[in-house]
Amino acid sequence: MNHISIWQESDLIQADYCRQHNLDVKKFSRLKNKMLTKHENTSQFIQLKKEIPVKVEQQITIKINNRHIIELQHDFSPELLSKVLDVLESRL
């Protein structure tokens, strides 16, 4: 079991866990974010083909983790949507 898993199962805040185990808080945070991002990318995102032509007759609403909402109108840009989703994917 690694430190990230042990910390997640503990009742400690990240800074306290790091102090108790003589870990650098910034390095721990970077590692945690890297691991969580890697895990999320493999379990939550579905790769879409960008070449698929899309025609929207009505408004489409996309909700992501109840934190982000994207509303598409009939004249939306698939290229812009792809860029927005790439940015969101890299930050979630």
Protein backbone atom coordinates (compact mmCIF):
# COMPACT_ATOMS: atom_id res chain seq x y z
CA MET A 1 0.00 0.00 0.00
CA ASN A 2 1.41 3.45 -0.87
CA HIS A 3 1.26 6.69 1.12
CA ILE A 4 -1.59 8.10 -0.99
CA SER A 5 -3.82 5.10 -0.25
CA ILE A 6 -2.92 5.08 3.43
CA TRP A 7 -3.59 8.83 3.72
CA GLN A 8 -6.98 8.49 1.97
CA GLU A 9 -8.04 5.88 4.51
CA SER A 10 -6.85 7.96 7.46
CA ASP A 11 -8.75 10.76 9.17
CA LEU A 12 -5.78 13.11 8.78
CA ILE A 13 -5.57 16.17 6.59
CA GLN A 14 -2.82 15.98 4.02
CA ALA A 15 -0.42 18.33 5.84
CA ASP A 16 -0.69 16.39 9.11
CA TYR A 17 -0.14 13.05 7.38
CA CYS A 18 2.97 14.41 5.67
CA ARG A 19 4.36 15.79 8.94
CA GLN A 20 3.80 12.49 10.74
CA HIS A 21 5.59 10.56 7.98
CA ASN A 22 8.35 13.12 7.26
CA LEU A 23 7.07 13.73 3.72
CA ASP A 24 7.39 16.91 1.68
CA VAL A 25 3.86 18.34 1.41
CA LYS A 26 4.36 19.78 -2.09
CA LYS A 27 5.82 16.56 -3.50
CA PHE A 28 3.07 14.53 -1.87
CA SER A 29 0.43 16.83 -3.36
CA ARG A 30 1.94 16.60 -6.86
CA LEU A 31 2.11 12.81 -6.64
CA LYS A 32 -1.46 12.62 -5.34
CA ASN A 33 -2.76 14.85 -8.15
CA LYS A 34 -0.85 12.84 -10.75
CA MET A 35 -2.18 9.53 -9.43
CA LEU A 36 -5.76 10.76 -9.10
CA THR A 37 -5.69 12.30 -12.58
CA LYS A 38 -4.32 9.08 -14.05
CA HIS A 39 -7.01 7.08 -12.27
CA GLU A 40 -9.81 9.44 -13.34
CA ASN A 41 -8.65 9.45 -16.94
CA THR A 42 -8.78 5.69 -17.13
CA SER A 43 -12.11 5.28 -15.37
CA GLN A 44 -14.29 8.25 -16.29
CA PHE A 45 -13.44 9.62 -19.70
CA ILE A 46 -14.52 8.10 -22.96
CA GLN A 47 -12.42 8.98 -25.97
CA LEU A 48 -14.57 10.56 -28.65
CA LYS A 49 -13.71 10.60 -32.30
CA LYS A 50 -13.35 14.22 -33.32
CA GLU A 51 -14.18 13.52 -36.96
CA ILE A 52 -17.80 12.60 -36.35
CA PRO A 53 -20.04 15.18 -38.02
CA VAL A 54 -22.60 16.48 -35.58
CA LYS A 55 -25.76 18.38 -36.36
CA VAL A 56 -27.72 19.69 -33.39
CA GLU A 57 -31.33 20.67 -33.96
CA GLN A 58 -31.95 21.58 -30.32
CA GLN A 59 -29.81 22.73 -27.42
CA ILE A 60 -27.68 20.04 -25.80
CA THR A 61 -26.51 20.34 -22.19
CA ILE A 62 -23.46 18.42 -20.96
CA LYS A 63 -22.92 18.20 -17.19
CA ILE A 64 -19.55 17.04 -15.89
CA ASN A 65 -19.30 15.97 -12.24
CA ASN A 66 -22.05 18.46 -11.36
CA ARG A 67 -19.36 21.17 -11.51
CA HIS A 68 -19.20 22.08 -15.17
CA ILE A 69 -22.05 22.68 -17.57
CA ILE A 70 -21.59 23.05 -21.32
CA GLU A 71 -24.57 24.13 -23.39
CA LEU A 72 -24.40 23.60 -27.13
CA GLN A 73 -26.55 25.47 -29.61
CA HIS A 74 -27.31 24.28 -33.13
CA ASP A 75 -24.38 26.25 -34.57
CA PHE A 76 -21.69 25.16 -32.09
CA SER A 77 -18.10 24.54 -33.15
CA PRO A 78 -17.01 20.88 -32.75
CA GLU A 79 -13.39 22.05 -32.78
CA LEU A 80 -14.00 24.44 -29.88
CA LEU A 81 -15.90 21.79 -27.95
CA SER A 82 -13.00 19.39 -28.43
CA LYS A 83 -10.56 21.97 -27.06
CA VAL A 84 -12.77 22.72 -24.05
CA LEU A 85 -13.12 19.01 -23.25
CA ASP A 86 -9.33 18.55 -23.56
CA VAL A 87 -8.77 21.33 -21.02
CA LEU A 88 -11.40 19.95 -18.63
CA GLU A 89 -9.97 16.46 -18.93
CA SER A 90 -6.49 17.69 -18.03
CA ARG A 91 -7.78 19.50 -14.92
CA LEU A 92 -10.26 17.02 -13.48
